């Protein structure tokens, strides 16, 4: 079966590799062509445009950084919309706004195509190990067509609902919980350190109490200050918190912590931390105290 994959960044590249390993015939497109070379050596074929990638198969997966990047490859004369055949499927693995997911669902439906949201939970190491958790939403029969392919990318798939934007709502909510945890963990680590207690010893207690890989992994990155190379850049963290604030405002739901985290991440980016891992949030608080 042919699958097209667009967006070969820190997450997209290992996901595309896993599709090759699973035996899919893969067509790839990336805005920076040199990133495609290793995949071509492994058997993938190169498409010069998103339109060409979509024409080559009836299923396209996109993994892009934000709304603007996704809109760029979907719309326009060389976009996915013009390339997918009728009944073709666009699976978006990106964390995008609820509004854009709704807009893309309508745009594909107008052309008798399908939009499916399959946002992923996990960092690049999980993507490489095919241990992502995937939040799947879209037309029920289309979800069933997507499941075998997505199974090659992750260890667990949650079927959220029949409308693509529902998957994005859940992903935004989960990412906001992680951002909130980073805020709380940063504040707590700084407080105990100022009392002369090693943050590693503090994390031993935290990990024993919460027994969460999220606390364990992020806490270790903070304690060891392994902010480079970034598994998830601070500038993308700011984008996701902004998405949460926007999603909350659209339904008049309170999200007071969101603005606090947004302010702290904004300060960090102003200080030049935008390319660092978003766990460097602790530096933002450290310098503000």
Protein backbone atom coordinates (compact mmCIF):
# COMPACT_ATOMS: atom_id res chain seq x y z
CA UNK A 1 0.00 0.00 0.00
CA UNK A 2 1.20 3.50 -0.86
CA UNK A 3 1.40 6.17 1.84
CA UNK A 4 2.60 9.75 1.39
CA UNK A 5 4.27 11.55 4.28
CA UNK A 6 4.80 15.30 4.47
CA UNK A 7 6.99 16.93 7.16
CA UNK A 8 10.26 15.29 8.17
CA UNK A 9 11.22 17.14 11.34
CA UNK A 10 12.19 15.67 14.71
CA UNK A 11 8.94 13.71 14.89
CA UNK A 12 8.08 13.18 11.25
CA UNK A 13 11.37 11.61 10.20
CA UNK A 14 11.27 8.63 12.62
CA UNK A 15 7.56 8.17 11.93
CA UNK A 16 8.27 7.94 8.20
CA UNK A 17 11.09 5.48 8.88
CA UNK A 18 8.72 3.24 10.81
CA UNK A 19 6.29 3.16 7.90
CA UNK A 20 9.12 1.97 5.66
CA UNK A 21 10.05 -0.68 8.22
CA UNK A 22 6.42 -1.82 8.27
CA UNK A 23 6.58 -2.44 4.52
CA UNK A 24 4.61 0.50 3.18
CA UNK A 25 5.53 2.03 -0.15
CA UNK A 26 6.41 5.55 0.96
CA UNK A 27 6.35 8.85 -0.91
CA UNK A 28 7.86 11.77 0.99
CA UNK A 29 7.88 15.54 0.71
CA UNK A 30 9.72 18.05 2.86
CA UNK A 31 10.22 21.78 2.44
CA UNK A 32 13.96 21.22 3.02
CA UNK A 33 14.82 18.56 0.41
CA UNK A 34 18.11 17.41 1.97
CA UNK A 35 16.21 15.90 4.92
CA UNK A 36 14.67 13.44 2.47
CA UNK A 37 17.97 11.83 1.41
CA UNK A 38 18.31 9.20 4.17
CA UNK A 39 14.77 8.00 3.52
CA UNK A 40 15.39 7.73 -0.22
CA UNK A 41 18.32 5.44 0.54
CA UNK A 42 15.93 3.28 2.57
CA UNK A 43 13.49 2.94 -0.30
CA UNK A 44 11.21 5.98 -0.15
CA UNK A 45 10.38 8.03 -3.25
CA UNK A 46 10.55 11.81 -3.43
CA UNK A 47 7.68 14.10 -4.41
CA UNK A 48 8.52 17.62 -5.58
CA UNK A 49 5.32 19.17 -4.20
CA UNK A 50 2.55 18.29 -1.71
CA UNK A 51 0.22 17.96 -4.71
CA UNK A 52 2.50 15.35 -6.27
CA UNK A 53 2.74 13.48 -2.97
CA UNK A 54 -1.05 13.40 -2.67
CA UNK A 55 -1.52 12.25 -6.27
CA UNK A 56 0.87 9.35 -5.73
CA UNK A 57 -1.38 7.75 -3.10
CA UNK A 58 -4.86 8.06 -1.69
CA UNK A 59 -3.56 8.61 1.84
CA UNK A 60 -1.35 11.47 3.05
CA UNK A 61 0.03 11.94 6.56
CA UNK A 62 1.18 15.43 7.56
CA UNK A 63 3.43 16.17 10.55
CA UNK A 64 4.05 19.93 10.61
CA UNK A 65 4.87 22.49 13.25
CA UNK A 66 1.85 24.79 13.28
CA UNK A 67 -1.30 26.05 11.55
CA UNK A 68 0.56 28.18 9.01
CA UNK A 69 2.81 25.32 7.89
CA UNK A 70 -0.12 22.95 7.49
CA UNK A 71 -2.25 25.45 5.59
CA UNK A 72 0.66 26.06 3.24
CA UNK A 73 0.89 22.41 2.17
CA UNK A 74 -2.87 21.82 2.03
CA UNK A 75 -4.11 24.86 0.12
CA UNK A 76 -2.97 26.54 -3.08
CA UNK A 77 -2.35 25.17 -6.58
CA UNK A 78 0.37 22.77 -5.35
CA UNK A 79 -1.46 21.69 -2.22
CA UNK A 80 -2.83 18.40 -0.96
CA UNK A 81 -6.42 19.41 -1.69
CA UNK A 82 -5.72 19.52 -5.41
CA UNK A 83 -3.79 16.26 -5.36
CA UNK A 84 -5.92 13.84 -3.36
CA UNK A 85 -8.44 11.81 -5.33
CA UNK A 86 -12.06 11.43 -4.22
CA UNK A 87 -12.29 9.29 -1.05
CA UNK A 88 -8.62 10.12 -0.40
CA UNK A 89 -7.59 10.59 3.22
CA UNK A 90 -5.54 13.34 4.82
CA UNK A 91 -4.29 12.27 8.26
CA UNK A 92 -2.99 15.22 10.25
CA UNK A 93 -0.64 14.25 13.08
CA UNK A 94 0.12 17.90 13.87
CA UNK A 95 -0.97 19.86 16.93
CA UNK A 96 -3.13 22.53 15.32
CA UNK A 97 -5.95 24.82 16.37
CA UNK A 98 -9.49 23.53 16.70
CA UNK A 99 -10.60 26.13 14.15
CA UNK A 100 -8.11 24.93 11.52
CA UNK A 101 -9.04 21.27 12.06
CA UNK A 102 -12.68 22.20 11.53
CA UNK A 103 -11.81 24.25 8.44
CA UNK A 104 -9.77 21.45 6.88
CA UNK A 105 -12.52 18.91 7.55
CA UNK A 106 -14.94 21.10 5.58
CA UNK A 107 -12.45 21.79 2.78
CA UNK A 108 -11.75 18.09 2.22
CA UNK A 109 -15.44 17.21 2.46
CA UNK A 110 -16.23 19.67 -0.34
CA UNK A 111 -13.96 17.59 -2.60
CA UNK A 112 -15.35 14.27 -1.31
CA UNK A 113 -12.11 13.63 0.56
CA UNK A 114 -11.67 12.84 4.25
CA UNK A 115 -9.79 14.64 7.01
CA UNK A 116 -8.65 12.62 10.01
CA UNK A 117 -6.89 13.94 13.08
CA UNK A 118 -4.27 11.57 14.50
CA UNK A 119 -2.31 13.78 16.87
CA UNK A 120 0.49 12.07 18.74
CA UNK A 121 1.66 12.02 22.34
CA UNK A 122 5.36 11.42 22.84
CA UNK A 123 8.76 12.91 22.14
CA UNK A 124 11.20 11.98 19.30
CA UNK A 125 12.55 8.96 21.19
CA UNK A 126 9.03 7.54 21.42
CA UNK A 127 8.47 8.25 17.72
CA UNK A 128 11.67 6.39 16.85
CA UNK A 129 10.64 3.40 18.96
CA UNK A 130 7.10 3.40 17.48
CA UNK A 131 5.73 3.90 20.99
CA UNK A 132 3.66 7.02 20.41
CA UNK A 133 0.14 7.29 21.76
CA UNK A 134 -2.25 8.46 19.06
CA UNK A 135 -5.49 10.41 19.43
CA UNK A 136 -7.66 9.45 16.46
CA UNK A 137 -10.76 11.35 15.35
CA UNK A 138 -12.73 11.47 12.12
CA UNK A 139 -15.34 9.63 10.07
CA UNK A 140 -15.75 6.14 11.55
CA UNK A 141 -15.10 4.13 8.38
CA UNK A 142 -12.13 6.35 7.57
CA UNK A 143 -10.70 5.77 11.04
CA UNK A 144 -10.85 2.04 10.39
CA UNK A 145 -8.90 2.52 7.14
CA UNK A 146 -6.27 4.52 9.02
CA UNK A 147 -5.84 2.16 11.99
CA UNK A 148 -3.44 -0.39 10.41
CA UNK A 149 -1.11 2.38 9.25
CA UNK A 150 -1.18 4.21 12.57
CA UNK A 151 -0.50 0.94 14.39
CA UNK A 152 2.96 0.98 12.81
CA UNK A 153 3.66 4.31 14.55
CA UNK A 154 2.43 3.85 18.10
CA UNK A 155 1.77 1.55 21.02
CA UNK A 156 -1.76 2.75 21.78
CA UNK A 157 -4.53 4.42 19.78
CA UNK A 158 -7.42 6.27 21.40
CA UNK A 159 -10.48 6.69 19.18
CA UNK A 160 -11.88 10.04 20.28
CA UNK A 161 -14.84 10.72 17.99
CA UNK A 162 -16.33 11.17 14.54
CA UNK A 163 -15.15 14.75 13.95
CA UNK A 164 -11.49 15.54 13.29
CA UNK A 165 -11.35 18.61 15.52
CA UNK A 166 -12.27 16.48 18.55
CA UNK A 167 -8.85 14.86 18.45
CA UNK A 168 -7.21 18.27 18.43
CA UNK A 169 -9.25 19.39 21.45
CA UNK A 170 -7.98 16.40 23.42
CA UNK A 171 -4.37 16.89 22.28
CA UNK A 172 -4.45 20.57 23.24
CA UNK A 173 -5.85 19.61 26.64
CA UNK A 174 -3.15 17.01 27.26
CA UNK A 175 -0.36 19.37 26.19
CA UNK A 176 -1.75 22.01 28.52
CA UNK A 177 -1.58 19.52 31.39
CA UNK A 178 2.08 18.85 30.57
CA UNK A 179 2.79 22.59 30.42
CA UNK A 180 1.08 23.02 33.79
CA UNK A 181 3.19 20.21 35.23
CA UNK A 182 6.36 21.90 33.94
CA UNK A 183 5.31 25.15 35.56
CA UNK A 184 4.60 23.47 38.91
CA UNK A 185 7.73 21.32 38.78
CA UNK A 186 9.91 24.32 37.91
CA UNK A 187 8.54 26.31 40.82
CA UNK A 188 8.93 23.39 43.26
CA UNK A 189 12.48 22.54 42.16
CA UNK A 190 13.62 26.13 42.53
CA UNK A 191 12.03 26.40 45.96
CA UNK A 192 13.69 23.27 47.36
CA UNK A 193 17.05 24.20 45.81
CA UNK A 194 16.96 27.57 47.57
CA UNK A 195 16.53 25.64 50.81
CA UNK A 196 19.77 23.79 50.04
CA UNK A 197 18.22 20.50 48.91
CA UNK A 198 19.49 18.85 45.74
CA UNK A 199 16.86 18.74 43.01
CA UNK A 200 17.80 15.12 42.21
CA UNK A 201 16.94 14.09 45.77
CA UNK A 202 13.67 16.01 45.53
CA UNK A 203 12.83 14.19 42.30
CA UNK A 204 13.43 10.82 43.96
CA UNK A 205 10.53 11.64 46.28
CA UNK A 206 8.36 13.04 43.48
CA UNK A 207 8.88 9.96 41.30
CA UNK A 208 8.16 7.58 44.18
CA UNK A 209 4.93 9.43 44.95
CA UNK A 210 3.53 10.05 41.47
CA UNK A 211 5.12 7.08 39.64
CA UNK A 212 4.63 8.88 36.35
CA UNK A 213 6.99 8.61 33.35
CA UNK A 214 6.03 12.20 32.51
CA UNK A 215 7.34 13.50 35.84
CA UNK A 216 10.32 11.15 35.67
CA UNK A 217 11.41 12.10 32.15
CA UNK A 218 10.80 15.83 32.34
CA UNK A 219 12.12 16.05 35.90
CA UNK A 220 15.39 14.40 34.86
CA UNK A 221 15.82 16.79 31.93
CA UNK A 222 15.30 19.74 34.26
CA UNK A 223 17.58 18.39 36.99
CA UNK A 224 20.38 17.59 34.53
CA UNK A 225 19.68 20.74 32.44
CA UNK A 226 19.62 18.72 29.21
CA UNK A 227 17.91 21.46 27.24
CA UNK A 228 19.79 20.76 24.01
CA UNK A 229 19.08 19.17 21.61
CA UNK A 230 15.44 19.97 22.21
CA UNK A 231 12.93 17.15 22.11
CA UNK A 232 10.21 19.78 22.01
CA UNK A 233 11.24 23.39 21.52
CA UNK A 234 10.10 26.14 23.85
CA UNK A 235 8.70 28.14 20.93
CA UNK A 236 6.43 25.19 20.11
CA UNK A 237 5.42 24.96 23.75
CA UNK A 238 4.37 28.60 23.63
CA UNK A 239 2.34 27.84 20.49
CA UNK A 240 0.54 24.97 22.21
CA UNK A 241 -0.28 27.00 25.31
CA UNK A 242 -1.67 29.71 23.03
CA UNK A 243 -3.82 27.05 21.33
CA UNK A 244 -5.17 26.00 24.73
CA UNK A 245 -6.00 29.60 25.64
CA UNK A 246 -7.76 30.06 22.30
CA UNK A 247 -9.71 26.80 22.63
CA UNK A 248 -10.82 27.76 26.13
CA UNK A 249 -11.87 31.26 25.11
CA UNK A 250 -13.94 29.91 22.21
CA UNK A 251 -16.22 28.05 24.64
CA UNK A 252 -15.87 30.51 27.55
CA UNK A 253 -14.02 27.99 29.72
CA UNK A 254 -11.73 29.37 32.45
CA UNK A 255 -8.00 28.76 31.95
CA UNK A 256 -6.28 31.18 34.35
CA UNK A 257 -3.08 29.13 34.62
CA UNK A 258 -2.70 29.30 30.85
CA UNK A 259 -1.88 32.98 30.79
CA UNK A 260 0.73 32.61 33.55
CA UNK A 261 2.54 29.84 31.65
CA UNK A 262 2.23 31.80 28.41
CA UNK A 263 3.89 34.80 30.05
CA UNK A 264 6.76 32.73 31.44
CA UNK A 265 7.43 31.02 28.10
CA UNK A 266 7.27 34.39 26.33
CA UNK A 267 9.93 35.71 28.69
CA UNK A 268 12.09 32.68 27.95
CA UNK A 269 11.84 33.19 24.21
CA UNK A 270 12.71 36.86 24.66
CA UNK A 271 15.82 35.71 26.53
CA UNK A 272 16.82 33.50 23.60
CA UNK A 273 15.53 30.13 24.85
CA UNK A 274 13.12 29.51 21.96
CA UNK A 275 15.21 26.69 20.45
CA UNK A 276 15.83 25.01 23.81
CA UNK A 277 13.66 22.22 25.17
CA UNK A 278 10.55 23.63 26.81
CA UNK A 279 11.73 22.21 30.14
CA UNK A 280 14.02 25.27 30.14
CA UNK A 281 10.93 26.97 31.53
CA UNK A 282 12.74 26.53 34.84
CA UNK A 283 15.36 29.03 33.62
CA UNK A 284 12.64 31.58 32.95
CA UNK A 285 11.49 31.34 36.57
CA UNK A 286 15.03 31.24 37.91
CA UNK A 287 15.89 34.56 36.28
CA UNK A 288 12.63 36.19 37.31
CA UNK A 289 13.09 35.49 41.01
